[in-house]
N, C-alpha and C. Protein backbone atom coordinates (compact mmCIF):
# COMPACT_ATOMS: atom_id res chain seq x y z
N UNK A 1 -14.93 283.91 154.35
CA UNK A 1 -15.78 283.10 155.21
C UNK A 1 -17.20 283.09 154.66
N UNK A 2 -17.79 281.93 154.55
CA UNK A 2 -19.14 281.79 154.02
C UNK A 2 -20.15 282.29 155.05
N UNK A 3 -21.21 282.92 154.53
CA UNK A 3 -22.28 283.40 155.40
C UNK A 3 -23.00 282.21 156.03
N UNK A 4 -23.73 282.47 157.06
CA UNK A 4 -24.50 281.48 157.80
C UNK A 4 -25.35 280.62 156.84
N UNK A 5 -25.02 279.32 156.68
CA UNK A 5 -25.73 278.49 155.71
C UNK A 5 -27.20 278.27 156.06
N UNK A 6 -27.54 278.19 157.35
CA UNK A 6 -28.94 278.00 157.74
C UNK A 6 -29.76 279.25 157.41
N UNK A 7 -29.20 280.42 157.70
CA UNK A 7 -29.88 281.68 157.40
C UNK A 7 -30.03 281.84 155.89
N UNK A 8 -28.99 281.49 155.16
CA UNK A 8 -29.06 281.58 153.70
C UNK A 8 -30.18 280.68 153.16
N UNK A 9 -30.28 279.46 153.68
CA UNK A 9 -31.33 278.54 153.23
C UNK A 9 -32.72 279.10 153.57
N UNK A 10 -32.88 279.65 154.76
CA UNK A 10 -34.17 280.24 155.14
C UNK A 10 -34.53 281.41 154.23
N UNK A 11 -33.55 282.25 153.92
CA UNK A 11 -33.82 283.38 153.04
C UNK A 11 -34.16 282.90 151.63
N UNK A 12 -33.42 281.94 151.12
CA UNK A 12 -33.72 281.39 149.79
C UNK A 12 -35.13 280.81 149.75
N UNK A 13 -35.54 280.12 150.82
CA UNK A 13 -36.89 279.56 150.88
C UNK A 13 -37.94 280.67 150.90
N UNK A 14 -37.70 281.74 151.66
CA UNK A 14 -38.64 282.85 151.72
C UNK A 14 -38.75 283.54 150.37
N UNK A 15 -37.63 283.73 149.68
CA UNK A 15 -37.64 284.36 148.35
C UNK A 15 -38.42 283.48 147.38
N UNK A 16 -38.21 282.16 147.45
CA UNK A 16 -38.90 281.23 146.54
C UNK A 16 -40.39 281.13 146.85
N UNK A 17 -40.77 281.27 148.11
CA UNK A 17 -42.16 281.08 148.52
C UNK A 17 -43.03 282.31 148.29
N UNK A 18 -42.43 283.45 148.02
CA UNK A 18 -43.18 284.70 147.85
C UNK A 18 -42.90 285.30 146.49
N UNK A 19 -43.96 285.50 145.70
CA UNK A 19 -43.77 286.14 144.39
C UNK A 19 -43.09 287.49 144.57
N UNK A 20 -43.49 288.23 145.59
CA UNK A 20 -42.90 289.53 145.91
C UNK A 20 -42.49 289.49 147.38
N UNK A 21 -41.22 289.77 147.65
CA UNK A 21 -40.71 289.74 149.02
C UNK A 21 -39.89 291.00 149.26
N UNK A 22 -40.16 291.66 150.38
CA UNK A 22 -39.44 292.87 150.75
C UNK A 22 -38.66 292.61 152.03
N UNK A 23 -37.34 292.73 151.95
CA UNK A 23 -36.49 292.73 153.14
C UNK A 23 -36.39 294.18 153.56
N UNK A 24 -36.86 294.49 154.75
CA UNK A 24 -36.99 295.89 155.15
C UNK A 24 -36.64 296.09 156.62
N UNK A 25 -36.43 297.34 156.97
CA UNK A 25 -36.25 297.70 158.37
C UNK A 25 -37.63 298.01 158.94
N UNK A 26 -38.08 297.16 159.86
CA UNK A 26 -39.41 297.31 160.43
C UNK A 26 -40.40 296.40 159.73
N UNK A 27 -41.66 296.77 159.82
CA UNK A 27 -42.74 295.99 159.22
C UNK A 27 -43.53 296.90 158.28
N UNK A 28 -44.36 296.32 157.39
CA UNK A 28 -45.17 297.18 156.53
C UNK A 28 -46.05 298.14 157.33
N UNK A 29 -46.53 297.69 158.48
CA UNK A 29 -47.38 298.53 159.31
C UNK A 29 -46.58 299.58 160.08
N UNK A 30 -45.29 299.31 160.31
CA UNK A 30 -44.44 300.24 161.06
C UNK A 30 -43.01 300.21 160.52
N UNK A 31 -42.80 300.82 159.34
CA UNK A 31 -41.44 300.89 158.80
C UNK A 31 -40.53 301.66 159.76
N UNK A 32 -39.27 301.23 159.84
CA UNK A 32 -38.33 301.85 160.78
C UNK A 32 -37.28 302.71 160.08
N UNK A 33 -37.43 302.94 158.79
CA UNK A 33 -36.55 303.90 158.10
C UNK A 33 -37.31 304.46 156.91
N UNK A 34 -36.89 305.63 156.47
CA UNK A 34 -37.57 306.30 155.37
C UNK A 34 -37.53 305.52 154.07
N UNK A 35 -36.42 304.84 153.79
CA UNK A 35 -36.31 304.07 152.55
C UNK A 35 -37.29 302.90 152.55
N UNK A 36 -37.40 302.22 153.67
CA UNK A 36 -38.36 301.12 153.78
C UNK A 36 -39.78 301.66 153.66
N UNK A 37 -40.06 302.80 154.29
CA UNK A 37 -41.39 303.39 154.24
C UNK A 37 -41.76 303.76 152.80
N UNK A 38 -40.82 304.34 152.06
CA UNK A 38 -41.10 304.72 150.68
C UNK A 38 -41.35 303.50 149.80
N UNK A 39 -40.59 302.43 150.02
CA UNK A 39 -40.77 301.21 149.23
C UNK A 39 -42.11 300.57 149.54
N UNK A 40 -42.47 300.49 150.82
CA UNK A 40 -43.78 299.97 151.21
C UNK A 40 -44.88 300.81 150.59
N UNK A 41 -44.72 302.14 150.63
CA UNK A 41 -45.73 303.02 150.05
C UNK A 41 -45.98 302.75 148.58
N UNK A 42 -44.92 302.48 147.84
CA UNK A 42 -45.06 302.16 146.41
C UNK A 42 -45.81 300.85 146.24
N UNK A 43 -45.42 299.82 146.99
CA UNK A 43 -46.10 298.53 146.87
C UNK A 43 -47.57 298.65 147.26
N UNK A 44 -47.87 299.40 148.30
CA UNK A 44 -49.25 299.61 148.73
C UNK A 44 -50.03 300.35 147.64
N UNK A 45 -49.43 301.39 147.07
CA UNK A 45 -50.08 302.16 146.01
C UNK A 45 -50.41 301.26 144.82
N UNK A 46 -49.55 300.29 144.56
CA UNK A 46 -49.74 299.41 143.42
C UNK A 46 -50.70 298.26 143.72
N UNK A 47 -51.08 298.11 144.98
CA UNK A 47 -52.02 297.06 145.35
C UNK A 47 -51.44 295.66 145.25
N UNK A 48 -50.16 295.55 145.53
CA UNK A 48 -49.45 294.28 145.38
C UNK A 48 -49.44 293.53 146.71
N UNK A 49 -49.74 292.24 146.68
CA UNK A 49 -49.58 291.39 147.85
C UNK A 49 -48.11 290.99 147.93
N UNK A 50 -47.54 291.12 149.12
CA UNK A 50 -46.11 290.84 149.25
C UNK A 50 -45.80 290.31 150.65
N UNK A 51 -44.72 289.57 150.73
CA UNK A 51 -44.19 289.14 152.01
C UNK A 51 -43.16 290.16 152.47
N UNK A 52 -42.96 290.24 153.77
CA UNK A 52 -41.99 291.18 154.31
C UNK A 52 -41.20 290.52 155.43
N UNK A 53 -39.93 290.83 155.50
CA UNK A 53 -39.07 290.35 156.57
C UNK A 53 -38.40 291.56 157.21
N UNK A 54 -38.56 291.68 158.52
CA UNK A 54 -37.90 292.73 159.28
C UNK A 54 -36.45 292.31 159.49
N UNK A 55 -35.52 293.04 158.90
CA UNK A 55 -34.10 292.68 158.97
C UNK A 55 -33.42 293.15 160.25
N UNK A 56 -34.05 294.04 161.01
CA UNK A 56 -33.38 294.64 162.16
C UNK A 56 -32.89 293.64 163.20
N UNK A 57 -33.64 292.59 163.53
CA UNK A 57 -33.14 291.66 164.55
C UNK A 57 -31.90 290.88 164.13
N UNK A 58 -31.58 290.85 162.83
CA UNK A 58 -30.45 290.05 162.36
C UNK A 58 -29.70 290.75 161.23
N UNK A 59 -29.56 292.07 161.36
CA UNK A 59 -28.98 292.89 160.30
C UNK A 59 -27.61 292.42 159.84
N UNK A 60 -26.68 292.20 160.75
CA UNK A 60 -25.33 291.79 160.37
C UNK A 60 -25.30 290.49 159.60
N UNK A 61 -25.86 289.41 160.16
CA UNK A 61 -25.85 288.14 159.43
C UNK A 61 -26.60 288.21 158.09
N UNK A 62 -27.70 288.96 158.03
CA UNK A 62 -28.43 289.07 156.77
C UNK A 62 -27.63 289.83 155.72
N UNK A 63 -26.89 290.85 156.12
CA UNK A 63 -26.03 291.57 155.17
C UNK A 63 -25.04 290.61 154.52
N UNK A 64 -24.44 289.74 155.34
CA UNK A 64 -23.49 288.76 154.80
C UNK A 64 -24.17 287.82 153.81
N UNK A 65 -25.36 287.34 154.16
CA UNK A 65 -26.08 286.41 153.29
C UNK A 65 -26.49 287.10 151.99
N UNK A 66 -27.04 288.32 152.08
CA UNK A 66 -27.47 288.99 150.85
C UNK A 66 -26.28 289.41 149.99
N UNK A 67 -25.14 289.68 150.61
CA UNK A 67 -23.94 289.99 149.83
C UNK A 67 -23.55 288.79 148.98
N UNK A 68 -23.65 287.59 149.54
CA UNK A 68 -23.34 286.37 148.78
C UNK A 68 -24.43 286.06 147.76
N UNK A 69 -25.67 286.21 148.18
CA UNK A 69 -26.81 285.80 147.37
C UNK A 69 -27.04 286.72 146.17
N UNK A 70 -26.99 288.03 146.41
CA UNK A 70 -27.39 288.97 145.37
C UNK A 70 -26.40 290.12 145.19
N UNK A 71 -25.28 290.09 145.91
CA UNK A 71 -24.29 291.15 145.84
C UNK A 71 -24.89 292.50 146.22
N UNK A 72 -25.81 292.50 147.18
CA UNK A 72 -26.48 293.72 147.64
C UNK A 72 -26.51 293.67 149.16
N UNK A 73 -26.03 294.73 149.82
CA UNK A 73 -25.93 294.69 151.28
C UNK A 73 -26.79 295.70 152.00
N UNK A 74 -27.46 296.59 151.29
CA UNK A 74 -28.27 297.60 151.96
C UNK A 74 -29.74 297.18 151.92
N UNK A 75 -30.52 297.77 152.81
CA UNK A 75 -31.94 297.47 152.90
C UNK A 75 -32.72 298.76 152.78
N UNK A 76 -33.90 298.70 152.18
CA UNK A 76 -34.67 297.52 151.80
C UNK A 76 -34.16 296.87 150.52
N UNK A 77 -34.60 295.63 150.33
CA UNK A 77 -34.34 294.88 149.10
C UNK A 77 -35.66 294.28 148.65
N UNK A 78 -36.01 294.51 147.39
CA UNK A 78 -37.24 293.96 146.83
C UNK A 78 -36.90 292.83 145.87
N UNK A 79 -37.50 291.67 146.11
CA UNK A 79 -37.34 290.49 145.25
C UNK A 79 -38.67 290.23 144.56
N UNK A 80 -38.63 289.95 143.27
CA UNK A 80 -39.82 289.59 142.50
C UNK A 80 -39.49 288.34 141.71
N UNK A 81 -40.34 287.33 141.84
CA UNK A 81 -40.14 286.05 141.14
C UNK A 81 -38.74 285.50 141.37
N UNK A 82 -38.25 285.61 142.60
CA UNK A 82 -36.97 285.03 142.96
C UNK A 82 -35.74 285.84 142.61
N UNK A 83 -35.93 287.01 142.00
CA UNK A 83 -34.78 287.83 141.60
C UNK A 83 -34.81 289.18 142.31
N UNK A 84 -33.63 289.67 142.66
CA UNK A 84 -33.53 290.98 143.27
C UNK A 84 -33.87 292.06 142.25
N UNK A 85 -34.82 292.92 142.61
CA UNK A 85 -35.15 294.08 141.78
C UNK A 85 -34.23 295.23 142.16
N UNK A 86 -34.04 295.44 143.47
CA UNK A 86 -33.15 296.49 143.93
C UNK A 86 -33.63 297.09 145.23
N UNK A 87 -33.02 298.21 145.58
CA UNK A 87 -33.38 298.93 146.78
C UNK A 87 -34.36 300.05 146.48
N UNK A 88 -34.54 300.93 147.43
CA UNK A 88 -35.54 301.98 147.32
C UNK A 88 -35.36 302.85 146.08
N UNK A 89 -34.14 303.30 145.81
CA UNK A 89 -33.92 304.19 144.67
C UNK A 89 -34.30 303.52 143.36
N UNK A 90 -33.90 302.27 143.18
CA UNK A 90 -34.26 301.55 141.95
C UNK A 90 -35.75 301.30 141.87
N UNK A 91 -36.38 300.96 142.99
CA UNK A 91 -37.83 300.73 143.01
C UNK A 91 -38.55 302.02 142.61
N UNK A 92 -38.10 303.16 143.15
CA UNK A 92 -38.72 304.44 142.79
C UNK A 92 -38.55 304.76 141.31
N UNK A 93 -37.34 304.55 140.79
CA UNK A 93 -37.11 304.79 139.36
C UNK A 93 -37.99 303.90 138.50
N UNK A 94 -38.07 302.63 138.86
CA UNK A 94 -38.89 301.69 138.10
C UNK A 94 -40.37 302.04 138.21
N UNK A 95 -40.80 302.52 139.37
CA UNK A 95 -42.19 302.95 139.54
C UNK A 95 -42.50 304.11 138.60
N UNK A 96 -41.62 305.11 138.62
CA UNK A 96 -41.84 306.31 137.81
C UNK A 96 -41.85 306.00 136.32
N UNK A 97 -41.04 305.06 135.88
CA UNK A 97 -40.97 304.73 134.45
C UNK A 97 -42.05 303.76 134.01
N UNK A 98 -42.74 303.13 134.97
CA UNK A 98 -43.74 302.11 134.63
C UNK A 98 -43.16 300.71 134.57
N UNK A 99 -41.84 300.60 134.69
CA UNK A 99 -41.19 299.29 134.61
C UNK A 99 -41.56 298.39 135.79
N UNK A 100 -41.77 298.98 136.97
CA UNK A 100 -42.13 298.18 138.13
C UNK A 100 -43.50 297.53 137.94
N UNK A 101 -44.46 298.29 137.44
CA UNK A 101 -45.79 297.73 137.18
C UNK A 101 -45.69 296.57 136.20
N UNK A 102 -44.88 296.74 135.18
CA UNK A 102 -44.68 295.67 134.19
C UNK A 102 -44.04 294.44 134.84
N UNK A 103 -43.02 294.66 135.66
CA UNK A 103 -42.34 293.56 136.35
C UNK A 103 -43.30 292.81 137.27
N UNK A 104 -44.16 293.57 137.96
CA UNK A 104 -45.11 292.97 138.90
C UNK A 104 -46.36 292.44 138.22
N UNK A 105 -46.57 292.81 136.96
CA UNK A 105 -47.76 292.36 136.24
C UNK A 105 -49.04 293.02 136.71
N UNK A 106 -48.93 294.30 137.09
CA UNK A 106 -50.10 295.06 137.54
C UNK A 106 -50.19 296.36 136.75
N UNK A 107 -51.38 296.98 136.71
CA UNK A 107 -51.49 298.27 136.03
C UNK A 107 -50.72 299.36 136.78
N UNK A 108 -50.20 300.31 136.04
CA UNK A 108 -49.49 301.45 136.65
C UNK A 108 -50.52 302.37 137.30
N UNK A 109 -50.41 302.62 138.62
CA UNK A 109 -51.34 303.53 139.27
C UNK A 109 -51.07 304.97 138.87
N UNK A 110 -52.09 305.79 139.02
CA UNK A 110 -51.96 307.22 138.74
C UNK A 110 -51.41 307.92 139.97
N UNK A 111 -50.67 308.98 139.77
CA UNK A 111 -50.23 309.82 140.88
C UNK A 111 -48.93 309.38 141.51
N UNK A 112 -48.58 310.12 142.53
CA UNK A 112 -47.34 309.87 143.27
C UNK A 112 -47.52 308.72 144.24
N UNK A 113 -46.46 307.97 144.52
CA UNK A 113 -46.57 306.90 145.52
C UNK A 113 -46.78 307.49 146.91
N UNK A 114 -47.42 306.70 147.78
CA UNK A 114 -47.59 307.12 149.18
C UNK A 114 -46.22 307.29 149.81
N UNK A 115 -46.07 308.32 150.60
CA UNK A 115 -44.82 308.49 151.33
C UNK A 115 -45.07 308.53 152.83
N UNK A 116 -46.28 308.14 153.23
CA UNK A 116 -46.62 308.10 154.64
C UNK A 116 -46.61 306.66 155.11
N UNK A 117 -46.66 306.48 156.43
CA UNK A 117 -46.82 305.14 156.96
C UNK A 117 -48.09 304.56 156.35
N UNK A 118 -48.06 303.33 155.85
CA UNK A 118 -49.15 302.79 155.06
C UNK A 118 -50.50 302.66 155.73
N UNK A 119 -50.69 303.11 156.96
CA UNK A 119 -52.02 303.07 157.55
C UNK A 119 -52.98 303.93 156.73
N UNK A 120 -52.44 304.87 155.95
CA UNK A 120 -53.29 305.69 155.10
C UNK A 120 -53.62 305.00 153.79
N UNK A 121 -52.97 303.86 153.53
CA UNK A 121 -53.21 303.12 152.30
C UNK A 121 -54.51 302.35 152.40
N UNK A 122 -54.95 301.81 151.30
CA UNK A 122 -56.19 301.05 151.23
C UNK A 122 -56.11 299.83 152.15
N UNK A 123 -56.99 299.75 153.16
CA UNK A 123 -56.92 298.61 154.07
C UNK A 123 -57.30 297.30 153.41
N UNK A 124 -57.90 297.35 152.22
CA UNK A 124 -58.27 296.14 151.51
C UNK A 124 -57.11 295.49 150.79
N UNK A 125 -55.97 296.17 150.73
CA UNK A 125 -54.81 295.61 150.04
C UNK A 125 -54.10 294.64 150.98
N UNK A 126 -54.02 293.37 150.60
CA UNK A 126 -53.40 292.41 151.51
C UNK A 126 -51.88 292.51 151.49
N UNK A 127 -51.29 292.51 152.65
CA UNK A 127 -49.84 292.36 152.77
C UNK A 127 -49.60 291.15 153.64
N UNK A 128 -48.39 290.72 153.70
CA UNK A 128 -48.05 289.59 154.56
C UNK A 128 -48.04 290.10 155.99
N UNK A 129 -48.90 289.57 156.82
CA UNK A 129 -48.94 290.01 158.20
C UNK A 129 -49.26 288.82 159.08
N UNK A 130 -48.55 288.55 160.12
CA UNK A 130 -47.37 289.29 160.55
C UNK A 130 -46.19 289.05 159.62
N UNK A 131 -45.16 289.87 159.73
CA UNK A 131 -43.99 289.68 158.85
C UNK A 131 -43.41 288.28 159.00
N UNK A 132 -42.82 287.80 157.95
CA UNK A 132 -42.16 286.50 157.96
C UNK A 132 -41.02 286.53 158.97
N UNK A 133 -40.78 285.44 159.58
CA UNK A 133 -39.71 285.35 160.57
C UNK A 133 -38.59 284.47 160.05
N UNK A 134 -37.37 284.90 160.23
CA UNK A 134 -36.21 284.08 159.93
C UNK A 134 -35.45 283.93 161.23
N UNK A 135 -35.17 282.72 161.60
CA UNK A 135 -34.46 282.44 162.86
C UNK A 135 -32.96 282.42 162.59
N UNK A 136 -32.18 282.92 163.54
CA UNK A 136 -30.73 282.85 163.41
C UNK A 136 -30.18 281.77 164.30
């Protein structure tokens, strides 16, 4: 059975409209799981502007769409330039190796990524706020 075509189109549009897009549980200001919090912390540490979509209100349908779109069903999911980079573990590995900075086109920051809720991050770093909305 094909995933929801309207939801798929909305997600494809969001991925295309944002150089960096994070599908996450919660929002950048209030992540709702540790993996999402760690991924947000890395993006904040890197000073990257990004869009974010809270997947919790539509977790089941979004899992089906992302399974078709990118063969990935867990969250968070980081997309850069329209392509899936991966989930938290891959983002952390790429951060540590410097590959994420290269992919994002930014300098590699010094030190460990933030692992706290990003209110401790630089308030001058723009994120997408409020989070992007996808209607089901």
